[in-house]
Protein backbone atom coordinates (compact mmCIF):
# COMPACT_ATOMS: atom_id res chain seq x y z
CA MET A 1 0.00 0.00 0.00
CA GLY A 2 1.15 3.46 -0.73
CA LEU A 3 1.47 6.41 1.55
CA ASP A 4 -1.85 7.78 0.28
CA ASP A 5 -3.67 4.66 1.46
CA LYS A 6 -2.03 4.83 4.86
CA ILE A 7 -3.05 8.46 5.23
CA LYS A 8 -6.64 7.67 4.21
CA ASN A 9 -6.80 4.82 6.73
CA ALA A 10 -5.46 7.04 9.51
CA ALA A 11 -8.03 9.70 8.60
CA GLU A 12 -10.80 7.08 8.68
CA ASP A 13 -9.64 5.97 12.13
CA ILE A 14 -9.58 9.55 13.44
CA ALA A 15 -13.02 10.25 11.95
CA GLY A 16 -14.34 7.10 13.60
CA LYS A 17 -12.97 8.19 16.97
CA ALA A 18 -14.58 11.60 16.54
CA LYS A 19 -17.92 10.02 15.61
CA GLU A 20 -17.78 7.71 18.59
CA ALA A 21 -16.95 10.58 20.96
CA THR A 22 -19.75 12.72 19.51
CA GLY A 23 -22.16 9.81 19.90
CA LYS A 24 -21.18 9.41 23.55
CA LEU A 25 -21.55 13.12 24.26
CA THR A 26 -24.94 13.37 22.60
CA ASP A 27 -26.10 9.98 23.89
CA ASN A 28 -26.59 8.85 20.28
CA GLU A 29 -25.97 5.10 20.23
CA ARG A 30 -26.23 4.85 16.44
CA LEU A 31 -23.53 7.47 15.88
CA GLU A 32 -21.33 5.86 18.52
CA ALA A 33 -21.69 2.47 16.82
CA GLU A 34 -20.89 3.98 13.41
CA GLY A 35 -17.73 5.46 14.87
CA GLN A 36 -16.69 2.12 16.29
CA ALA A 37 -17.39 0.44 12.94
CA ASP A 38 -15.28 3.02 11.10
CA GLN A 39 -12.42 2.39 13.51
CA SER A 40 -12.72 -1.36 13.02
CA LYS A 41 -12.57 -0.97 9.23
CA ALA A 42 -9.48 1.19 9.55
CA ASP A 43 -7.85 -1.37 11.86
CA VAL A 44 -8.47 -4.17 9.35
CA LYS A 45 -6.96 -2.09 6.57
CA LYS A 46 -3.93 -1.27 8.74
CA ALA A 47 -3.43 -4.97 9.46
CA GLY A 48 -3.51 -5.68 5.73
CA GLU A 49 -0.90 -2.98 5.16
CA ASN A 50 1.35 -4.50 7.81
CA VAL A 51 1.13 -7.92 6.18
CA LYS A 52 1.95 -6.49 2.78
CA ASP A 53 4.84 -4.48 4.24
CA ALA A 54 6.22 -7.61 5.90
CA PHE A 55 6.46 -9.39 2.54
CA LYS A 56 8.27 -6.57 0.79
């Protein structure tokens, strides 16, 4: 994966954390869950990057 992909994944993780925090503050369970899901997707992508980097 290129640097652009890594930056996009980091941005997705940060956005997910912000969504989750906003959901907690506003007591919006749906928004909180979306934030957690976004973070999980970013974590999976990061793991894929690490595997690809290991085989380079």
